[in-house]
Amino acid sequence: MTGRHIVSRRRHSAELKARIIAACAEPGASIARIALEHGLNANLVHRWRRLAEGRQPIPVVSTPRDAFVPVTLTPSLADPVIRIVVRRAESTLEIQWPATAARECSQWLGDLLR
């Protein structure tokens, strides 16, 4: 593979997270400095702190990636249309064309613009 590399996520122990969160709670502590000392991104340390304080819900993944998830489409998504709006001075022309006939719409529009 050229130009690509796979980055795996590191897993950090609960003990390390607790030590870092405790260090950040010290008076005058710099989260950026503490993160840098541990080779971590400061945003990750901020996230750990929010999680520890209960300010950010812990994501729950209960469905495998390849599992079937039913989706209900709203009527507007079930029957999509191509909508063309042309405004000129005080006049407006609006054209709606079924998306299932996109090729015909393209041809009609091309003929119209010639």
Protein backbone atom coordinates (compact mmCIF):
# COMPACT_ATOMS: atom_id res chain seq x y z
CA MET A 1 0.00 0.00 0.00
CA THR A 2 1.40 3.36 -0.96
CA GLY A 3 0.69 6.41 1.14
CA ARG A 4 -1.41 4.50 3.66
CA HIS A 5 -0.70 3.20 7.08
CA ILE A 6 -2.87 1.57 9.66
CA VAL A 7 -3.04 3.23 13.04
CA SER A 8 -4.23 1.05 15.86
CA ARG A 9 -5.77 2.59 18.92
CA ARG A 10 -3.88 2.22 22.13
CA ARG A 11 -5.70 0.89 25.16
CA HIS A 12 -4.96 2.59 28.46
CA SER A 13 -5.47 0.95 31.80
CA ALA A 14 -7.98 2.25 34.31
CA GLU A 15 -5.07 2.77 36.71
CA LEU A 16 -3.23 5.06 34.26
CA LYS A 17 -6.40 7.02 33.55
CA ALA A 18 -7.04 7.45 37.28
CA ARG A 19 -3.45 8.65 37.89
CA ILE A 20 -3.66 11.18 35.05
CA ILE A 21 -7.09 12.45 36.14
CA ALA A 22 -5.80 12.84 39.71
CA ALA A 23 -2.73 14.73 38.45
CA CYS A 24 -4.99 17.07 36.47
CA ALA A 25 -7.03 17.80 39.60
CA GLU A 26 -3.97 19.15 41.44
CA PRO A 27 -3.92 22.96 41.91
CA GLY A 28 -2.09 24.68 39.04
CA ALA A 29 -1.93 21.50 36.95
CA SER A 30 -1.60 21.89 33.21
CA ILE A 31 -3.60 19.28 31.33
CA ALA A 32 -1.54 19.87 28.19
CA ARG A 33 1.71 19.33 30.11
CA ILE A 34 0.44 16.19 31.84
CA ALA A 35 -0.80 14.76 28.53
CA LEU A 36 2.53 15.55 26.85
CA GLU A 37 4.49 13.91 29.68
CA HIS A 38 2.51 10.69 29.11
CA GLY A 39 2.61 10.85 25.31
CA LEU A 40 -1.12 11.51 25.08
CA ASN A 41 -3.25 14.00 23.22
CA ALA A 42 -4.67 16.66 25.53
CA ASN A 43 -8.14 16.18 24.00
CA LEU A 44 -8.08 12.56 25.14
CA VAL A 45 -7.22 13.61 28.69
CA HIS A 46 -10.04 16.19 28.63
CA ARG A 47 -12.41 13.45 27.48
CA TRP A 48 -11.30 11.15 30.32
CA ARG A 49 -11.94 13.96 32.80
CA ARG A 50 -15.45 14.59 31.42
CA LEU A 51 -16.21 10.87 31.61
CA ALA A 52 -14.89 10.66 35.17
CA GLU A 53 -17.02 13.64 36.20
CA GLY A 54 -20.08 12.17 34.52
CA ARG A 55 -20.38 15.08 32.08
CA GLN A 56 -20.19 12.89 28.99
CA PRO A 57 -22.08 9.64 28.59
CA ILE A 58 -20.02 6.57 27.88
CA PRO A 59 -20.90 5.32 24.40
CA VAL A 60 -22.71 2.00 24.44
CA VAL A 61 -22.19 -0.25 21.44
CA SER A 62 -24.72 -3.04 21.53
CA THR A 63 -25.11 -3.81 17.83
CA PRO A 64 -22.32 -5.46 15.84
CA ARG A 65 -21.19 -3.44 12.82
CA ASP A 66 -22.54 -5.94 10.31
CA ALA A 67 -25.88 -6.49 12.06
CA PHE A 68 -29.10 -5.61 10.27
CA VAL A 69 -30.64 -2.42 11.56
CA PRO A 70 -34.13 -1.63 10.22
CA VAL A 71 -34.59 1.90 8.90
CA THR A 72 -37.91 3.59 8.28
CA LEU A 73 -37.88 6.14 5.48
CA THR A 74 -40.02 9.21 5.63
CA PRO A 75 -42.26 9.75 2.59
CA SER A 76 -39.99 12.53 1.31
CA LEU A 77 -37.02 10.15 1.30
CA ALA A 78 -39.00 7.22 -0.05
CA ASP A 79 -40.02 9.16 -3.20
CA PRO A 80 -37.19 11.64 -3.84
CA VAL A 81 -37.66 14.36 -6.39
CA ILE A 82 -35.34 16.62 -8.34
CA ARG A 83 -36.29 20.18 -7.52
CA ILE A 84 -35.21 23.01 -9.82
CA VAL A 85 -35.98 26.59 -8.80
CA VAL A 86 -35.30 29.48 -11.18
CA ARG A 87 -35.74 33.04 -9.88
CA ARG A 88 -35.66 35.96 -12.23
CA ALA A 89 -36.62 39.44 -11.09
CA GLU A 90 -39.94 38.98 -9.30
CA SER A 91 -40.84 35.67 -10.96
CA THR A 92 -40.10 32.18 -9.70
CA LEU A 93 -40.34 28.97 -11.68
CA GLU A 94 -40.22 25.72 -9.73
CA ILE A 95 -39.96 22.33 -11.41
CA GLN A 96 -40.18 19.02 -9.57
CA TRP A 97 -39.19 15.85 -11.38
CA PRO A 98 -39.17 12.29 -10.01
CA ALA A 99 -35.62 11.27 -9.14
CA THR A 100 -36.28 7.90 -10.71
CA ALA A 101 -36.37 9.73 -14.08
CA ALA A 102 -33.16 11.71 -13.59
CA ARG A 103 -31.86 10.90 -17.07
CA GLU A 104 -35.02 12.31 -18.69
CA CYS A 105 -34.81 15.40 -16.48
CA SER A 106 -31.22 15.96 -17.53
CA GLN A 107 -32.14 15.63 -21.20
CA TRP A 108 -35.13 17.98 -20.84
CA LEU A 109 -33.03 20.56 -19.00
CA GLY A 110 -30.27 20.32 -21.62
CA ASP A 111 -32.80 20.87 -24.41
CA LEU A 112 -34.33 23.78 -22.53
CA LEU A 113 -30.98 25.53 -22.06
CA ARG A 114 -29.89 25.22 -25.72
